[in-house]
Amino acid sequence: MGLPGEELGLYGPYDPAAAEAGTGMQIAGSHEYIYLPNERKCYQCLKCASRFSQKTTITRHLRYFCGKGYRYKCPYCHMLASCSSNIYRHVRSRHFDKKPHAIKLFSSVCKRTRSGDIEH
């Protein structure tokens, strides 16, 4: 089985000559995004096709958002969001008489224990 999007011709092996000419695409080592050198938003997520202009932004997207589900819940209704700031904004605008806070459903980052084991 190939990588996601391979059948669409989204990327191919990195070719330095093609990259120098401005036509090459580079696959990241983890195969979670591709680098498109001649595009303004040159980093594309292979899971959801979102595009970003900075490497740090796609790294954050992959670590905290893409395929992770909703991490926060409104304490006063059924509203869910992937960012706590969206919950705070929601509480201030919909539940203006209540204290703005968010309920964290889960952590998206694995923690290491003292023995070096990964805790999920």
N, C-alpha and C. Protein backbone atom coordinates (compact mmCIF):
# COMPACT_ATOMS: atom_id res chain seq x y z
N MET A 1 0.84 -1.18 0.00
CA MET A 1 0.00 0.00 0.00
C MET A 1 0.88 1.24 0.00
N GLY A 2 0.56 2.21 -0.81
CA GLY A 2 1.34 3.43 -0.92
C GLY A 2 0.93 4.46 0.11
N LEU A 3 1.47 5.64 -0.02
CA LEU A 3 1.17 6.73 0.88
C LEU A 3 -0.16 7.36 0.50
N PRO A 4 -0.85 8.03 1.44
CA PRO A 4 -2.10 8.70 1.12
C PRO A 4 -1.90 9.74 0.03
N GLY A 5 -2.77 9.76 -0.95
CA GLY A 5 -2.69 10.73 -2.02
C GLY A 5 -1.80 10.32 -3.17
N GLU A 6 -1.15 9.16 -3.06
CA GLU A 6 -0.22 8.72 -4.10
C GLU A 6 -0.96 8.50 -5.42
N GLU A 7 -2.17 7.93 -5.34
CA GLU A 7 -2.94 7.67 -6.56
C GLU A 7 -3.36 8.96 -7.25
N LEU A 8 -3.37 10.08 -6.51
CA LEU A 8 -3.73 11.37 -7.10
C LEU A 8 -2.53 12.06 -7.72
N GLY A 9 -1.36 11.49 -7.55
CA GLY A 9 -0.16 12.11 -8.10
C GLY A 9 0.26 13.35 -7.34
N LEU A 10 -0.04 13.41 -6.03
CA LEU A 10 0.28 14.59 -5.24
C LEU A 10 1.78 14.77 -5.03
N TYR A 11 2.51 13.69 -5.03
CA TYR A 11 3.93 13.80 -4.76
C TYR A 11 4.67 12.62 -5.35
N GLY A 12 5.94 12.74 -5.38
CA GLY A 12 6.79 11.66 -5.85
C GLY A 12 8.08 11.72 -5.06
N PRO A 13 9.05 10.91 -5.39
CA PRO A 13 10.31 10.95 -4.66
C PRO A 13 10.99 12.29 -4.86
N TYR A 14 11.74 12.71 -3.86
CA TYR A 14 12.43 13.99 -3.93
C TYR A 14 13.50 13.94 -5.01
N ASP A 15 13.45 14.90 -5.88
CA ASP A 15 14.40 14.99 -6.97
C ASP A 15 15.11 16.35 -6.85
N PRO A 16 16.37 16.37 -6.43
CA PRO A 16 17.07 17.64 -6.24
C PRO A 16 17.11 18.50 -7.51
N ALA A 17 17.27 17.87 -8.65
CA ALA A 17 17.31 18.64 -9.91
C ALA A 17 15.96 19.29 -10.17
N ALA A 18 14.88 18.54 -9.92
CA ALA A 18 13.54 19.09 -10.13
C ALA A 18 13.26 20.19 -9.10
N ALA A 19 13.73 20.01 -7.87
CA ALA A 19 13.52 21.03 -6.84
C ALA A 19 14.26 22.31 -7.21
N GLU A 20 15.48 22.14 -7.74
CA GLU A 20 16.25 23.31 -8.17
C GLU A 20 15.55 24.03 -9.31
N ALA A 21 14.92 23.26 -10.18
CA ALA A 21 14.18 23.84 -11.30
C ALA A 21 12.83 24.39 -10.84
N GLY A 22 12.44 24.07 -9.59
CA GLY A 22 11.18 24.59 -9.08
C GLY A 22 10.00 23.70 -9.34
N THR A 23 10.21 22.47 -9.77
CA THR A 23 9.08 21.60 -10.08
C THR A 23 9.01 20.39 -9.16
N GLY A 24 9.98 20.22 -8.27
CA GLY A 24 10.02 19.03 -7.42
C GLY A 24 9.20 19.15 -6.17
N MET A 25 8.82 18.00 -5.63
CA MET A 25 8.11 17.93 -4.37
C MET A 25 8.90 17.04 -3.44
N GLN A 26 8.94 17.39 -2.18
CA GLN A 26 9.72 16.64 -1.21
C GLN A 26 8.79 16.06 -0.15
N ILE A 27 8.97 14.78 0.14
CA ILE A 27 8.18 14.13 1.17
C ILE A 27 8.97 14.21 2.47
N ALA A 28 8.31 14.58 3.56
CA ALA A 28 8.98 14.64 4.85
C ALA A 28 9.33 13.23 5.29
N GLY A 29 10.32 13.12 6.16
CA GLY A 29 10.77 11.82 6.63
C GLY A 29 9.67 10.99 7.27
N SER A 30 8.72 11.63 7.93
CA SER A 30 7.65 10.90 8.61
C SER A 30 6.48 10.59 7.68
N HIS A 31 6.51 11.11 6.47
CA HIS A 31 5.45 10.91 5.48
C HIS A 31 4.11 11.47 5.94
N GLU A 32 4.13 12.52 6.76
CA GLU A 32 2.89 13.14 7.21
C GLU A 32 2.58 14.41 6.44
N TYR A 33 3.57 14.96 5.76
CA TYR A 33 3.33 16.14 4.93
C TYR A 33 4.30 16.16 3.77
N ILE A 34 3.97 16.98 2.78
CA ILE A 34 4.87 17.16 1.64
C ILE A 34 5.27 18.62 1.56
N TYR A 35 6.42 18.85 0.97
CA TYR A 35 6.93 20.20 0.76
C TYR A 35 6.83 20.53 -0.73
N LEU A 36 6.13 21.61 -1.05
CA LEU A 36 5.96 22.08 -2.42
C LEU A 36 6.71 23.40 -2.57
N PRO A 37 7.91 23.38 -3.14
CA PRO A 37 8.80 24.55 -3.10
C PRO A 37 8.29 25.81 -3.78
N ASN A 38 7.44 25.71 -4.79
CA ASN A 38 7.02 26.90 -5.53
C ASN A 38 5.64 27.41 -5.13
N GLU A 39 5.12 26.96 -4.03
CA GLU A 39 3.80 27.39 -3.58
C GLU A 39 3.95 28.34 -2.40
N ARG A 40 3.01 29.29 -2.26
CA ARG A 40 3.04 30.19 -1.11
C ARG A 40 2.82 29.39 0.17
N LYS A 41 1.81 28.52 0.18
CA LYS A 41 1.60 27.60 1.30
C LYS A 41 2.24 26.29 0.89
N CYS A 42 3.51 26.15 1.22
CA CYS A 42 4.33 25.08 0.64
C CYS A 42 4.32 23.77 1.44
N TYR A 43 3.70 23.71 2.60
CA TYR A 43 3.62 22.47 3.38
C TYR A 43 2.18 21.97 3.36
N GLN A 44 1.98 20.74 2.87
CA GLN A 44 0.64 20.18 2.76
C GLN A 44 0.52 18.91 3.58
N CYS A 45 -0.49 18.85 4.43
CA CYS A 45 -0.76 17.68 5.26
C CYS A 45 -1.31 16.57 4.37
N LEU A 46 -0.77 15.37 4.51
CA LEU A 46 -1.25 14.24 3.71
C LEU A 46 -2.50 13.60 4.28
N LYS A 47 -2.83 13.90 5.52
CA LYS A 47 -4.02 13.33 6.14
C LYS A 47 -5.29 14.08 5.76
N CYS A 48 -5.21 15.41 5.73
CA CYS A 48 -6.42 16.21 5.49
C CYS A 48 -6.28 17.23 4.37
N ALA A 49 -5.13 17.33 3.75
CA ALA A 49 -4.85 18.23 2.62
C ALA A 49 -4.80 19.71 3.02
N SER A 50 -4.77 20.03 4.32
CA SER A 50 -4.59 21.42 4.74
C SER A 50 -3.19 21.88 4.36
N ARG A 51 -3.06 23.18 4.04
CA ARG A 51 -1.77 23.70 3.61
C ARG A 51 -1.33 24.84 4.50
N PHE A 52 -0.01 24.95 4.70
CA PHE A 52 0.57 25.93 5.61
C PHE A 52 1.81 26.55 4.99
N SER A 53 2.11 27.78 5.39
CA SER A 53 3.28 28.46 4.83
C SER A 53 4.54 28.24 5.67
N GLN A 54 4.40 27.81 6.92
CA GLN A 54 5.56 27.61 7.78
C GLN A 54 5.61 26.18 8.30
N LYS A 55 6.82 25.67 8.42
CA LYS A 55 7.01 24.31 8.90
C LYS A 55 6.51 24.15 10.34
N THR A 56 6.73 25.16 11.17
CA THR A 56 6.28 25.07 12.56
C THR A 56 4.75 24.96 12.65
N THR A 57 4.05 25.59 11.73
CA THR A 57 2.59 25.55 11.75
C THR A 57 2.08 24.17 11.39
N ILE A 58 2.65 23.52 10.39
CA ILE A 58 2.20 22.18 10.04
C ILE A 58 2.60 21.18 11.12
N THR A 59 3.74 21.41 11.77
CA THR A 59 4.15 20.54 12.87
C THR A 59 3.13 20.62 14.01
N ARG A 60 2.71 21.83 14.35
CA ARG A 60 1.69 22.02 15.39
C ARG A 60 0.36 21.39 14.96
N HIS A 61 -0.01 21.58 13.69
CA HIS A 61 -1.24 20.99 13.16
C HIS A 61 -1.23 19.47 13.32
N LEU A 62 -0.13 18.84 12.95
CA LEU A 62 -0.04 17.38 13.04
C LEU A 62 0.00 16.89 14.49
N ARG A 63 0.66 17.63 15.35
CA ARG A 63 0.80 17.20 16.75
C ARG A 63 -0.50 17.37 17.55
N TYR A 64 -1.22 18.47 17.33
CA TYR A 64 -2.35 18.78 18.19
C TYR A 64 -3.73 18.68 17.55
N PHE A 65 -3.83 18.81 16.23
CA PHE A 65 -5.15 18.94 15.64
C PHE A 65 -5.56 17.84 14.66
N CYS A 66 -4.73 17.52 13.72
CA CYS A 66 -5.13 16.63 12.62
C CYS A 66 -5.45 15.22 13.12
N GLY A 67 -6.68 14.82 12.96
CA GLY A 67 -7.12 13.48 13.34
C GLY A 67 -7.22 13.24 14.83
N LYS A 68 -7.12 14.28 15.64
CA LYS A 68 -7.12 14.11 17.10
C LYS A 68 -8.51 14.20 17.71
N GLY A 69 -9.46 14.73 17.00
CA GLY A 69 -10.80 14.92 17.58
C GLY A 69 -10.84 16.19 18.40
N TYR A 70 -11.95 16.38 19.08
CA TYR A 70 -12.13 17.57 19.90
C TYR A 70 -11.49 17.36 21.27
N ARG A 71 -10.69 18.33 21.71
CA ARG A 71 -9.98 18.22 22.98
C ARG A 71 -10.67 18.96 24.12
N TYR A 72 -11.57 19.89 23.80
CA TYR A 72 -12.19 20.72 24.84
C TYR A 72 -13.71 20.71 24.70
N LYS A 73 -14.40 20.87 25.84
CA LYS A 73 -15.86 20.88 25.88
C LYS A 73 -16.33 22.06 26.71
N CYS A 74 -17.45 22.65 26.30
CA CYS A 74 -18.09 23.71 27.07
C CYS A 74 -18.70 23.08 28.33
N PRO A 75 -18.49 23.69 29.50
CA PRO A 75 -19.04 23.13 30.73
C PRO A 75 -20.55 23.36 30.87
N TYR A 76 -21.14 24.16 29.98
CA TYR A 76 -22.55 24.52 30.12
C TYR A 76 -23.45 23.95 29.03
N CYS A 77 -22.88 23.41 27.96
CA CYS A 77 -23.69 22.83 26.89
C CYS A 77 -22.87 21.75 26.16
N HIS A 78 -23.33 21.34 25.00
CA HIS A 78 -22.70 20.24 24.25
C HIS A 78 -21.58 20.68 23.31
N MET A 79 -21.25 21.97 23.28
CA MET A 79 -20.23 22.48 22.34
C MET A 79 -18.87 21.83 22.56
N LEU A 80 -18.24 21.40 21.47
CA LEU A 80 -16.90 20.82 21.48
C LEU A 80 -16.00 21.62 20.56
N ALA A 81 -14.71 21.66 20.87
CA ALA A 81 -13.75 22.37 20.02
C ALA A 81 -12.36 21.77 20.19
N SER A 82 -11.52 22.00 19.19
CA SER A 82 -10.15 21.49 19.27
C SER A 82 -9.22 22.50 19.95
N CYS A 83 -9.64 23.76 20.06
CA CYS A 83 -8.85 24.80 20.73
C CYS A 83 -9.62 25.35 21.92
N SER A 84 -8.95 25.54 23.03
CA SER A 84 -9.61 26.07 24.21
C SER A 84 -10.10 27.50 23.98
N SER A 85 -9.38 28.26 23.15
CA SER A 85 -9.79 29.64 22.89
C SER A 85 -11.17 29.71 22.24
N ASN A 86 -11.50 28.72 21.43
CA ASN A 86 -12.83 28.69 20.82
C ASN A 86 -13.92 28.46 21.87
N ILE A 87 -13.61 27.66 22.88
CA ILE A 87 -14.57 27.43 23.97
C ILE A 87 -14.73 28.69 24.80
N TYR A 88 -13.62 29.37 25.12
CA TYR A 88 -13.71 30.62 25.88
C TYR A 88 -14.56 31.65 25.14
N ARG A 89 -14.34 31.79 23.85
CA ARG A 89 -15.12 32.73 23.04
C ARG A 89 -16.59 32.33 23.05
N HIS A 90 -16.88 31.04 22.91
CA HIS A 90 -18.25 30.54 22.93
C HIS A 90 -18.93 30.85 24.26
N VAL A 91 -18.25 30.57 25.38
CA VAL A 91 -18.84 30.80 26.71
C VAL A 91 -19.12 32.29 26.92
N ARG A 92 -18.19 33.15 26.50
CA ARG A 92 -18.40 34.58 26.66
C ARG A 92 -19.57 35.10 25.84
N SER A 93 -19.80 34.52 24.67
CA SER A 93 -20.88 35.02 23.81
C SER A 93 -22.22 34.33 24.05
N ARG A 94 -22.23 33.06 24.45
CA ARG A 94 -23.49 32.32 24.62
C ARG A 94 -23.92 32.18 26.08
N HIS A 95 -22.94 32.12 26.97
CA HIS A 95 -23.22 31.94 28.40
C HIS A 95 -22.59 33.10 29.17
N PHE A 96 -22.93 34.32 28.78
CA PHE A 96 -22.25 35.51 29.29
C PHE A 96 -22.39 35.71 30.80
N ASP A 97 -23.35 35.08 31.45
CA ASP A 97 -23.51 35.22 32.89
C ASP A 97 -22.70 34.18 33.68
N LYS A 98 -21.97 33.32 32.98
CA LYS A 98 -21.21 32.23 33.62
C LYS A 98 -19.70 32.49 33.51
N LYS A 99 -18.94 31.79 34.35
CA LYS A 99 -17.49 31.90 34.34
C LYS A 99 -16.91 31.20 33.10
N PRO A 100 -16.11 31.90 32.29
CA PRO A 100 -15.54 31.27 31.10
C PRO A 100 -14.40 30.31 31.45
N HIS A 101 -14.61 29.05 31.16
CA HIS A 101 -13.55 28.04 31.28
C HIS A 101 -13.90 26.86 30.37
N ALA A 102 -12.95 25.99 30.14
CA ALA A 102 -13.13 24.86 29.23
C ALA A 102 -12.78 23.58 29.98
N ILE A 103 -13.46 22.50 29.62
CA ILE A 103 -13.16 21.19 30.17
C ILE A 103 -12.25 20.47 29.18
N LYS A 104 -11.07 20.07 29.64
CA LYS A 104 -10.13 19.35 28.78
C LYS A 104 -10.51 17.88 28.76
N LEU A 105 -10.80 17.35 27.57
CA LEU A 105 -11.24 15.96 27.43
C LEU A 105 -10.07 14.98 27.46
N PHE A 106 -8.96 15.35 26.84
CA PHE A 106 -7.77 14.50 26.83
C PHE A 106 -6.57 15.32 26.43
N SER A 107 -5.40 14.79 26.68
CA SER A 107 -4.16 15.43 26.27
C SER A 107 -3.70 14.79 24.97
N SER A 108 -3.24 15.58 24.04
CA SER A 108 -2.82 15.03 22.76
C SER A 108 -1.34 14.68 22.73
N VAL A 109 -0.62 14.99 23.78
CA VAL A 109 0.81 14.73 23.82
C VAL A 109 1.09 13.60 24.80
N CYS A 110 1.86 12.62 24.38
CA CYS A 110 2.24 11.51 25.26
C CYS A 110 3.33 11.99 26.21
N LYS A 111 3.28 11.51 27.43
CA LYS A 111 4.27 11.89 28.43
C LYS A 111 5.20 10.73 28.71
N ARG A 112 6.44 11.03 29.01
CA ARG A 112 7.41 10.01 29.38
C ARG A 112 7.50 9.92 30.90
N THR A 113 7.56 8.70 31.39
CA THR A 113 7.73 8.50 32.82
C THR A 113 9.22 8.55 33.17
N ARG A 114 9.57 8.50 34.44
CA ARG A 114 10.98 8.54 34.84
C ARG A 114 11.77 7.37 34.31
N SER A 115 11.10 6.23 34.13
CA SER A 115 11.80 5.03 33.63
C SER A 115 11.99 5.08 32.11
N GLY A 116 11.42 6.10 31.46
CA GLY A 116 11.58 6.23 30.01
C GLY A 116 10.44 5.65 29.21
N ASP A 117 9.45 5.04 29.90
CA ASP A 117 8.29 4.49 29.19
C ASP A 117 7.38 5.63 28.74
N ILE A 118 6.65 5.41 27.67
CA ILE A 118 5.72 6.41 27.16
C ILE A 118 4.35 6.13 27.77
N GLU A 119 3.76 7.17 28.34
CA GLU A 119 2.44 7.06 28.98
C GLU A 119 1.43 7.76 28.09
N HIS A 120 0.37 7.07 27.72
CA HIS A 120 -0.66 7.66 26.84
C HIS A 120 -1.79 8.24 27.64
